[in-house]
Protein backbone atom coordinates (compact mmCIF):
# COMPACT_ATOMS: atom_id res chain seq x y z
CA UNK A 1 -44.44 -3.52 82.05
CA UNK A 2 -45.85 -0.65 80.01
CA UNK A 3 -44.48 1.86 82.51
CA UNK A 4 -41.02 1.14 81.09
CA UNK A 5 -40.40 3.79 78.38
CA UNK A 6 -38.79 1.38 75.90
CA UNK A 7 -41.65 -1.12 76.23
CA UNK A 8 -44.16 1.68 76.00
CA UNK A 9 -42.56 2.93 72.79
CA UNK A 10 -42.61 -0.57 71.31
CA UNK A 11 -46.20 -1.14 72.43
CA UNK A 12 -47.32 2.14 70.87
CA UNK A 13 -45.69 1.18 67.58
CA UNK A 14 -47.24 -2.31 67.63
CA UNK A 15 -50.64 -0.91 68.58
CA UNK A 16 -50.46 1.63 65.76
CA UNK A 17 -49.48 -1.03 63.27
CA UNK A 18 -51.93 -3.79 64.24
CA UNK A 19 -54.48 -2.18 66.56
CA UNK A 20 -57.10 -1.68 63.87
CA UNK A 21 -56.92 -5.32 62.75
CA UNK A 22 -56.99 -7.04 66.16
CA UNK A 23 -58.70 -6.38 69.47
CA UNK A 24 -56.34 -4.21 71.51
CA UNK A 25 -56.56 -6.39 74.64
CA UNK A 26 -55.68 -9.49 72.66
CA UNK A 27 -52.89 -7.66 70.93
CA UNK A 28 -51.53 -6.65 74.34
CA UNK A 29 -51.62 -10.27 75.49
CA UNK A 30 -49.65 -11.34 72.43
CA UNK A 31 -47.19 -8.50 72.97
CA UNK A 32 -46.67 -9.53 76.62
CA UNK A 33 -46.27 -13.15 75.56
CA UNK A 34 -43.63 -12.11 73.02
CA UNK A 35 -41.71 -10.04 75.58
CA UNK A 36 -41.90 -12.87 78.12
CA UNK A 37 -40.53 -15.38 75.59
CA UNK A 38 -37.82 -12.97 74.48
CA UNK A 39 -36.65 -12.56 78.06
CA UNK A 40 -36.84 -16.29 78.64
CA UNK A 41 -34.81 -17.08 75.54
CA UNK A 42 -32.36 -14.30 76.35
CA UNK A 43 -31.92 -15.64 79.86
CA UNK A 44 -31.36 -19.16 78.60
CA UNK A 45 -28.85 -17.91 76.04
CA UNK A 46 -26.97 -15.94 78.71
CA UNK A 47 -26.99 -18.96 81.02
CA UNK A 48 -25.62 -21.20 78.26
CA UNK A 49 -22.88 -18.70 77.47
CA UNK A 50 -21.99 -18.37 81.14
CA UNK A 51 -21.81 -22.12 81.60
CA UNK A 52 -19.77 -22.51 78.42
CA UNK A 53 -17.43 -19.69 79.44
CA UNK A 54 -16.92 -21.16 82.90
CA UNK A 55 -16.42 -24.59 81.42
CA UNK A 56 -13.81 -23.30 78.97
CA UNK A 57 -11.94 -21.31 81.59
CA UNK A 58 -12.04 -23.75 84.50
CA UNK A 59 -12.62 -26.88 82.48
CA UNK A 60 -13.50 -28.61 85.75
CA UNK A 61 -10.73 -31.09 85.12
CA UNK A 62 -11.28 -32.78 88.47
CA UNK A 63 -14.85 -33.75 87.49
CA UNK A 64 -13.53 -35.22 84.25
CA UNK A 65 -10.95 -37.24 86.19
CA UNK A 66 -13.20 -38.42 89.01
CA UNK A 67 -16.65 -38.78 87.45
CA UNK A 68 -15.64 -39.82 83.93
CA UNK A 69 -12.49 -41.73 84.87
CA UNK A 70 -10.53 -39.39 82.58
CA UNK A 71 -7.00 -40.29 81.51
CA UNK A 72 -5.90 -37.18 79.58
CA UNK A 73 -3.58 -34.55 81.00
CA UNK A 74 -5.23 -31.22 81.91
CA UNK A 75 -3.82 -29.28 78.95
CA UNK A 76 -5.10 -31.81 76.40
CA UNK A 77 -8.46 -31.99 78.17
CA UNK A 78 -8.92 -28.19 78.04
CA UNK A 79 -7.76 -28.02 74.43
CA UNK A 80 -10.29 -30.66 73.36
CA UNK A 81 -13.03 -29.05 75.42
CA UNK A 82 -12.40 -25.73 73.66
CA UNK A 83 -12.36 -27.35 70.21
CA UNK A 84 -15.59 -29.25 70.88
CA UNK A 85 -17.20 -25.97 72.01
CA UNK A 86 -16.03 -24.26 68.82
CA UNK A 87 -17.49 -27.10 66.76
CA UNK A 88 -20.89 -26.70 68.40
CA UNK A 89 -20.73 -22.91 68.03
CA UNK A 90 -20.07 -23.30 64.29
CA UNK A 91 -22.82 -25.89 63.98
CA UNK A 92 -25.30 -23.55 65.67
CA UNK A 93 -24.33 -20.64 63.39
CA UNK A 94 -24.64 -22.80 60.27
CA UNK A 95 -28.00 -24.17 61.35
CA UNK A 96 -29.33 -20.76 62.35
CA UNK A 97 -28.00 -19.20 59.16
CA UNK A 98 -29.66 -21.88 57.02
CA UNK A 99 -32.97 -21.49 58.84
CA UNK A 100 -32.82 -17.71 58.43
CA UNK A 101 -32.02 -18.00 54.70
CA UNK A 102 -34.90 -20.43 54.19
CA UNK A 103 -37.32 -18.11 55.98
CA UNK A 104 -36.10 -15.16 53.92
CA UNK A 105 -36.71 -17.11 50.69
CA UNK A 106 -40.28 -18.13 51.57
CA UNK A 107 -42.98 -16.09 49.82
CA UNK A 108 -44.98 -13.85 52.10
């Protein structure tokens, strides 16, 4: 991992900033843990976006009809699917924005 120049640069900066306060090996473990979680979250986010994008574009109308005994026409189904997706996108942004504002307001 540290052979990658961008990781190495980040590691050097982290080590310089915190290396005198914490054992370097433990700091490296925390750094690796952070990178691992960042990649994991990034991968999950990309997967969610891909699924959402495919769902919006294809809509998989046949699954709606067959598995959910759907009665709407395809155009209405896709319209509602898009609007529900927009609702959840807005909800996520509002929730994330509120959490970020609350964290910014907390004393350090």
